[in-house]
């Protein structure tokens, strides 16, 4: 029964990402303080081949350049998304950062499913 459930979940995830349209998708959202969070996804042949998650201030300075622990988490969850092709299976050490990444990534995946390439602000 577990194998059947695993196969069904795998097929559902594979089918849900098969509609991704090629392009570069990015979204930025102001959460708190002076930092805006952003995610950038690159889609090719219906797969996520690039993912970047970071925060920047009003001067465009990246949070990951100042905070090595954030940089490590950011790289970890971005790589996880590329490897799994599934936002809900991405794991990370910081629940707040992970939640933020998942929210923005899901937004972009919806845009990619519709072929709405571009830069978005929410």
N, C-alpha and C. Protein backbone atom coordinates (compact mmCIF):
# COMPACT_ATOMS: atom_id res chain seq x y z
N UNK A 1 0.82 -1.19 0.00
CA UNK A 1 0.00 0.00 0.00
C UNK A 1 0.87 1.26 0.00
N UNK A 2 1.98 1.23 0.77
CA UNK A 2 2.87 2.39 0.82
C UNK A 2 3.51 2.63 -0.55
N UNK A 3 3.86 1.54 -1.24
CA UNK A 3 4.46 1.69 -2.56
C UNK A 3 3.48 2.33 -3.53
N UNK A 4 2.22 1.91 -3.47
CA UNK A 4 1.20 2.48 -4.34
C UNK A 4 1.01 3.96 -4.05
N UNK A 5 0.97 4.33 -2.79
CA UNK A 5 0.83 5.73 -2.40
C UNK A 5 2.03 6.54 -2.88
N UNK A 6 3.22 5.99 -2.72
CA UNK A 6 4.43 6.67 -3.18
C UNK A 6 4.38 6.88 -4.69
N UNK A 7 3.98 5.88 -5.43
CA UNK A 7 3.90 5.99 -6.90
C UNK A 7 2.87 7.03 -7.30
N UNK A 8 1.72 7.06 -6.63
CA UNK A 8 0.69 8.05 -6.95
C UNK A 8 1.17 9.47 -6.66
N UNK A 9 1.85 9.65 -5.53
CA UNK A 9 2.38 10.98 -5.19
C UNK A 9 3.43 11.39 -6.21
N UNK A 10 4.30 10.46 -6.58
CA UNK A 10 5.33 10.76 -7.58
C UNK A 10 4.71 11.15 -8.91
N UNK A 11 3.71 10.41 -9.36
CA UNK A 11 3.05 10.72 -10.63
C UNK A 11 2.34 12.07 -10.56
N UNK A 12 1.69 12.35 -9.45
CA UNK A 12 1.02 13.64 -9.30
C UNK A 12 2.02 14.78 -9.40
N UNK A 13 3.15 14.65 -8.70
CA UNK A 13 4.18 15.70 -8.75
C UNK A 13 4.77 15.84 -10.14
N UNK A 14 5.00 14.74 -10.80
CA UNK A 14 5.56 14.79 -12.15
C UNK A 14 4.59 15.46 -13.11
N UNK A 15 3.32 15.14 -12.98
CA UNK A 15 2.32 15.73 -13.86
C UNK A 15 2.11 17.21 -13.56
N UNK A 16 2.20 17.58 -12.30
CA UNK A 16 1.96 18.98 -11.96
C UNK A 16 3.07 19.88 -12.48
N UNK A 17 4.27 19.37 -12.67
CA UNK A 17 5.36 20.18 -13.18
C UNK A 17 5.55 20.04 -14.68
N UNK A 18 4.84 19.14 -15.32
CA UNK A 18 5.04 18.92 -16.75
C UNK A 18 4.55 20.10 -17.58
N UNK A 19 3.73 20.96 -17.00
CA UNK A 19 3.17 22.08 -17.76
C UNK A 19 4.01 23.35 -17.64
N UNK A 20 5.12 23.30 -16.92
CA UNK A 20 5.93 24.50 -16.76
C UNK A 20 6.44 24.98 -18.11
N UNK A 21 6.29 26.28 -18.34
CA UNK A 21 6.73 26.89 -19.59
C UNK A 21 8.12 27.47 -19.41
N UNK A 22 8.94 27.35 -20.44
CA UNK A 22 10.31 27.86 -20.39
C UNK A 22 10.32 29.35 -20.12
N UNK A 23 11.31 29.80 -19.37
CA UNK A 23 11.46 31.22 -19.11
C UNK A 23 12.10 31.48 -17.77
N UNK A 24 12.27 32.76 -17.50
CA UNK A 24 12.82 33.20 -16.22
C UNK A 24 11.71 33.95 -15.49
N UNK A 25 11.43 33.50 -14.28
CA UNK A 25 10.34 34.02 -13.47
C UNK A 25 10.93 34.53 -12.16
N UNK A 26 10.54 35.73 -11.75
CA UNK A 26 11.02 36.23 -10.47
C UNK A 26 9.90 36.98 -9.75
N UNK A 27 9.97 36.93 -8.43
CA UNK A 27 8.99 37.61 -7.61
C UNK A 27 9.70 38.21 -6.41
N UNK A 28 9.21 39.36 -5.99
CA UNK A 28 9.77 40.06 -4.83
C UNK A 28 8.63 40.43 -3.90
N UNK A 29 8.90 40.28 -2.60
CA UNK A 29 7.87 40.61 -1.62
C UNK A 29 8.53 41.25 -0.40
N UNK A 30 7.94 42.35 0.04
CA UNK A 30 8.43 43.02 1.25
C UNK A 30 7.80 42.32 2.45
N UNK A 31 8.63 41.81 3.33
CA UNK A 31 8.13 41.11 4.51
C UNK A 31 8.21 41.97 5.76
N UNK A 32 9.42 42.38 6.11
CA UNK A 32 9.56 43.20 7.32
C UNK A 32 10.87 43.99 7.25
N UNK A 33 10.92 45.04 7.99
CA UNK A 33 12.14 45.83 8.04
C UNK A 33 12.52 46.40 6.68
N UNK A 34 13.80 46.46 6.46
CA UNK A 34 14.32 47.03 5.22
C UNK A 34 14.60 46.01 4.14
N UNK A 35 14.29 44.74 4.39
CA UNK A 35 14.65 43.69 3.45
C UNK A 35 13.43 43.22 2.65
N UNK A 36 13.64 43.04 1.34
CA UNK A 36 12.63 42.43 0.48
C UNK A 36 13.13 41.05 0.10
N UNK A 37 12.28 40.06 0.20
CA UNK A 37 12.64 38.70 -0.19
C UNK A 37 12.33 38.50 -1.66
N UNK A 38 13.13 37.66 -2.32
CA UNK A 38 12.86 37.36 -3.72
C UNK A 38 13.27 35.94 -4.07
N UNK A 39 12.58 35.41 -5.07
CA UNK A 39 12.90 34.11 -5.64
C UNK A 39 12.94 34.30 -7.15
N UNK A 40 13.91 33.66 -7.76
CA UNK A 40 14.04 33.67 -9.21
C UNK A 40 14.17 32.22 -9.67
N UNK A 41 13.30 31.81 -10.58
CA UNK A 41 13.33 30.45 -11.12
C UNK A 41 13.59 30.49 -12.61
N UNK A 42 14.44 29.60 -13.07
CA UNK A 42 14.70 29.43 -14.49
C UNK A 42 14.15 28.07 -14.89
N UNK A 43 13.27 28.09 -15.90
CA UNK A 43 12.62 26.87 -16.38
C UNK A 43 13.10 26.57 -17.79
N UNK A 44 13.50 25.33 -18.01
CA UNK A 44 13.89 24.89 -19.36
C UNK A 44 13.40 23.47 -19.56
N UNK A 45 12.79 23.24 -20.69
CA UNK A 45 12.24 21.91 -21.02
C UNK A 45 11.30 21.41 -19.94
N UNK A 46 10.52 22.34 -19.36
CA UNK A 46 9.52 21.97 -18.37
C UNK A 46 10.07 21.65 -17.00
N UNK A 47 11.36 21.93 -16.76
CA UNK A 47 11.98 21.63 -15.46
C UNK A 47 12.63 22.86 -14.88
N UNK A 48 12.69 22.91 -13.58
CA UNK A 48 13.39 23.98 -12.88
C UNK A 48 14.87 23.66 -12.95
N UNK A 49 15.62 24.50 -13.67
CA UNK A 49 17.06 24.26 -13.77
C UNK A 49 17.87 25.26 -12.95
N UNK A 50 17.22 26.30 -12.48
CA UNK A 50 17.89 27.29 -11.65
C UNK A 50 16.93 27.87 -10.64
N UNK A 51 17.42 28.08 -9.42
CA UNK A 51 16.60 28.68 -8.37
C UNK A 51 17.50 29.55 -7.51
N UNK A 52 17.04 30.74 -7.24
CA UNK A 52 17.77 31.65 -6.36
C UNK A 52 16.77 32.23 -5.38
N UNK A 53 17.17 32.20 -4.11
CA UNK A 53 16.36 32.79 -3.05
C UNK A 53 17.27 33.67 -2.22
N UNK A 54 16.84 34.90 -1.97
CA UNK A 54 17.66 35.81 -1.18
C UNK A 54 16.79 36.95 -0.69
N UNK A 55 17.41 37.86 0.01
CA UNK A 55 16.76 39.09 0.45
C UNK A 55 17.69 40.23 0.06
N UNK A 56 17.10 41.40 -0.22
CA UNK A 56 17.91 42.56 -0.53
C UNK A 56 17.33 43.79 0.14
N UNK A 57 18.21 44.75 0.40
CA UNK A 57 17.74 45.99 1.03
C UNK A 57 17.47 47.04 -0.04
N UNK A 58 17.10 48.23 0.38
CA UNK A 58 16.74 49.29 -0.57
C UNK A 58 17.92 49.73 -1.44
N UNK A 59 19.16 49.38 -1.04
CA UNK A 59 20.35 49.69 -1.84
C UNK A 59 20.72 48.55 -2.79
N UNK A 60 19.94 47.46 -2.74
CA UNK A 60 20.22 46.31 -3.59
C UNK A 60 21.25 45.35 -3.03
N UNK A 61 21.68 45.57 -1.79
CA UNK A 61 22.65 44.68 -1.16
C UNK A 61 21.96 43.39 -0.74
N UNK A 62 22.61 42.25 -1.05
CA UNK A 62 22.04 40.95 -0.73
C UNK A 62 22.32 40.56 0.71
N UNK A 63 21.30 40.04 1.36
CA UNK A 63 21.39 39.59 2.74
C UNK A 63 22.40 38.45 2.86
N UNK A 64 22.45 37.59 1.84
CA UNK A 64 23.34 36.43 1.87
C UNK A 64 24.81 36.84 1.88
N UNK A 65 25.12 38.04 1.44
CA UNK A 65 26.50 38.51 1.45
C UNK A 65 26.94 38.92 2.87
N UNK A 66 25.99 39.23 3.72
CA UNK A 66 26.29 39.65 5.08
C UNK A 66 26.09 38.55 6.11
N UNK A 67 25.25 37.58 5.81
CA UNK A 67 24.88 36.54 6.77
C UNK A 67 25.20 35.16 6.20
N UNK A 68 26.28 34.56 6.64
CA UNK A 68 26.68 33.26 6.09
C UNK A 68 25.68 32.16 6.44
N UNK A 69 25.05 32.25 7.60
CA UNK A 69 24.07 31.21 7.95
C UNK A 69 22.86 31.29 7.02
N UNK A 70 22.40 32.50 6.70
CA UNK A 70 21.30 32.65 5.75
C UNK A 70 21.72 32.17 4.37
N UNK A 71 22.94 32.49 3.96
CA UNK A 71 23.45 32.06 2.65
C UNK A 71 23.42 30.54 2.55
N UNK A 72 23.84 29.84 3.60
CA UNK A 72 23.85 28.38 3.59
C UNK A 72 22.44 27.82 3.46
N UNK A 73 21.51 28.39 4.22
CA UNK A 73 20.11 27.93 4.16
C UNK A 73 19.53 28.21 2.77
N UNK A 74 19.80 29.39 2.25
CA UNK A 74 19.30 29.77 0.93
C UNK A 74 19.79 28.82 -0.15
N UNK A 75 21.06 28.50 -0.13
CA UNK A 75 21.62 27.57 -1.11
C UNK A 75 21.03 26.17 -0.95
N UNK A 76 20.87 25.75 0.29
CA UNK A 76 20.33 24.42 0.57
C UNK A 76 18.91 24.25 0.01
N UNK A 77 18.04 25.21 0.29
CA UNK A 77 16.66 25.05 -0.17
C UNK A 77 16.53 25.28 -1.68
N UNK A 78 17.36 26.12 -2.24
CA UNK A 78 17.34 26.32 -3.69
C UNK A 78 17.77 25.05 -4.41
N UNK A 79 18.84 24.43 -3.93
CA UNK A 79 19.30 23.16 -4.53
C UNK A 79 18.28 22.06 -4.35
N UNK A 80 17.64 22.05 -3.19
CA UNK A 80 16.63 21.03 -2.93
C UNK A 80 15.48 21.13 -3.93
N UNK A 81 15.06 22.35 -4.24
CA UNK A 81 13.98 22.53 -5.22
C UNK A 81 14.41 22.03 -6.59
N UNK A 82 15.61 22.34 -7.01
CA UNK A 82 16.11 21.88 -8.31
C UNK A 82 16.18 20.36 -8.35
N UNK A 83 16.64 19.75 -7.27
CA UNK A 83 16.79 18.29 -7.23
C UNK A 83 15.46 17.56 -7.19
N UNK A 84 14.50 18.09 -6.42
CA UNK A 84 13.23 17.38 -6.24
C UNK A 84 12.15 17.82 -7.22
N UNK A 85 12.27 19.06 -7.75
CA UNK A 85 11.24 19.63 -8.63
C UNK A 85 9.90 19.72 -7.93
N UNK A 86 9.92 19.82 -6.60
CA UNK A 86 8.69 19.81 -5.82
C UNK A 86 8.85 20.73 -4.61
N UNK A 87 8.12 21.82 -4.60
CA UNK A 87 8.24 22.81 -3.53
C UNK A 87 7.89 22.21 -2.17
N UNK A 88 6.89 21.37 -2.11
CA UNK A 88 6.46 20.84 -0.82
C UNK A 88 7.45 19.85 -0.22
N UNK A 89 8.37 19.32 -1.02
CA UNK A 89 9.37 18.39 -0.48
C UNK A 89 10.67 19.09 -0.08
N UNK A 90 10.75 20.39 -0.28
CA UNK A 90 11.93 21.15 0.11
C UNK A 90 11.96 21.25 1.63
N UNK A 91 13.12 20.98 2.20
CA UNK A 91 13.28 21.08 3.65
C UNK A 91 14.38 22.08 3.97
N UNK A 92 14.32 22.61 5.17
CA UNK A 92 15.34 23.56 5.60
C UNK A 92 15.35 23.66 7.11
N UNK A 93 16.42 24.24 7.62
CA UNK A 93 16.61 24.34 9.07
C UNK A 93 15.80 25.46 9.71
N UNK A 94 15.43 26.46 8.94
CA UNK A 94 14.72 27.63 9.47
C UNK A 94 13.30 27.64 8.91
N UNK A 95 12.32 27.40 9.76
CA UNK A 95 10.92 27.28 9.32
C UNK A 95 10.42 28.57 8.67
N UNK A 96 10.80 29.72 9.20
CA UNK A 96 10.36 30.99 8.63
C UNK A 96 10.90 31.22 7.24
N UNK A 97 12.18 30.94 7.06
CA UNK A 97 12.81 31.08 5.74
C UNK A 97 12.20 30.09 4.77
N UNK A 98 12.00 28.87 5.20
CA UNK A 98 11.41 27.84 4.35
C UNK A 98 10.00 28.22 3.91
N UNK A 99 9.20 28.71 4.83
CA UNK A 99 7.84 29.12 4.52
C UNK A 99 7.83 30.25 3.49
N UNK A 100 8.69 31.20 3.68
CA UNK A 100 8.82 32.34 2.76
C UNK A 100 9.22 31.85 1.37
N UNK A 101 10.21 30.97 1.30
CA UNK A 101 10.67 30.41 0.03
C UNK A 101 9.55 29.64 -0.66
N UNK A 102 8.84 28.82 0.09
CA UNK A 102 7.76 28.02 -0.49
C UNK A 102 6.64 28.91 -1.03
N UNK A 103 6.28 29.95 -0.28
CA UNK A 103 5.23 30.85 -0.74
C UNK A 103 5.60 31.51 -2.08
N UNK A 104 6.80 32.04 -2.15
CA UNK A 104 7.23 32.73 -3.36
C UNK A 104 7.43 31.75 -4.52
N UNK A 105 7.98 30.58 -4.23
CA UNK A 105 8.19 29.57 -5.28
C UNK A 105 6.86 29.06 -5.84
N UNK A 106 5.90 28.82 -4.97
CA UNK A 106 4.57 28.39 -5.44
C UNK A 106 3.93 29.44 -6.33
N UNK A 107 4.08 30.70 -5.97
CA UNK A 107 3.57 31.79 -6.79
C UNK A 107 4.18 31.73 -8.19
N UNK A 108 5.50 31.54 -8.26
CA UNK A 108 6.17 31.49 -9.56
C UNK A 108 5.82 30.23 -10.36
N UNK A 109 5.64 29.13 -9.67
CA UNK A 109 5.27 27.90 -10.39
C UNK A 109 3.89 28.06 -11.02
N UNK A 110 2.99 28.74 -10.33
CA UNK A 110 1.68 29.03 -10.93
C UNK A 110 1.83 29.89 -12.17
N UNK A 111 2.72 30.88 -12.10
CA UNK A 111 2.98 31.74 -13.26
C UNK A 111 3.60 30.91 -14.39
N UNK A 112 4.52 30.02 -14.05
CA UNK A 112 5.17 29.18 -15.06
C UNK A 112 4.20 28.21 -15.71
N UNK A 113 3.25 27.71 -14.94
CA UNK A 113 2.23 26.82 -15.51
C UNK A 113 1.39 27.55 -16.55
N UNK A 114 1.21 28.87 -16.33
CA UNK A 114 0.43 29.68 -17.26
C UNK A 114 1.28 30.37 -18.32
N UNK A 115 2.59 30.20 -18.24
CA UNK A 115 3.49 30.83 -19.19
C UNK A 115 3.61 32.32 -19.03
N UNK A 116 3.36 32.83 -17.83
CA UNK A 116 3.43 34.28 -17.56
C UNK A 116 4.83 34.66 -17.12
N UNK A 117 5.76 34.72 -18.07
CA UNK A 117 7.15 35.05 -17.79
C UNK A 117 7.23 36.50 -17.33
N UNK A 118 8.13 36.78 -16.39
CA UNK A 118 8.33 38.16 -15.99
C UNK A 118 8.76 38.32 -14.56
N UNK A 119 8.79 39.57 -14.14
CA UNK A 119 9.15 39.94 -12.78
C UNK A 119 7.89 40.44 -12.09
N UNK A 120 7.64 39.91 -10.91
CA UNK A 120 6.41 40.23 -10.20
C UNK A 120 6.72 40.77 -8.82
N UNK A 121 5.82 41.55 -8.29
CA UNK A 121 5.88 42.03 -6.91
C UNK A 121 4.56 41.69 -6.24
N UNK A 122 4.67 41.17 -5.05
CA UNK A 122 3.45 40.85 -4.29
C UNK A 122 3.57 41.41 -2.90
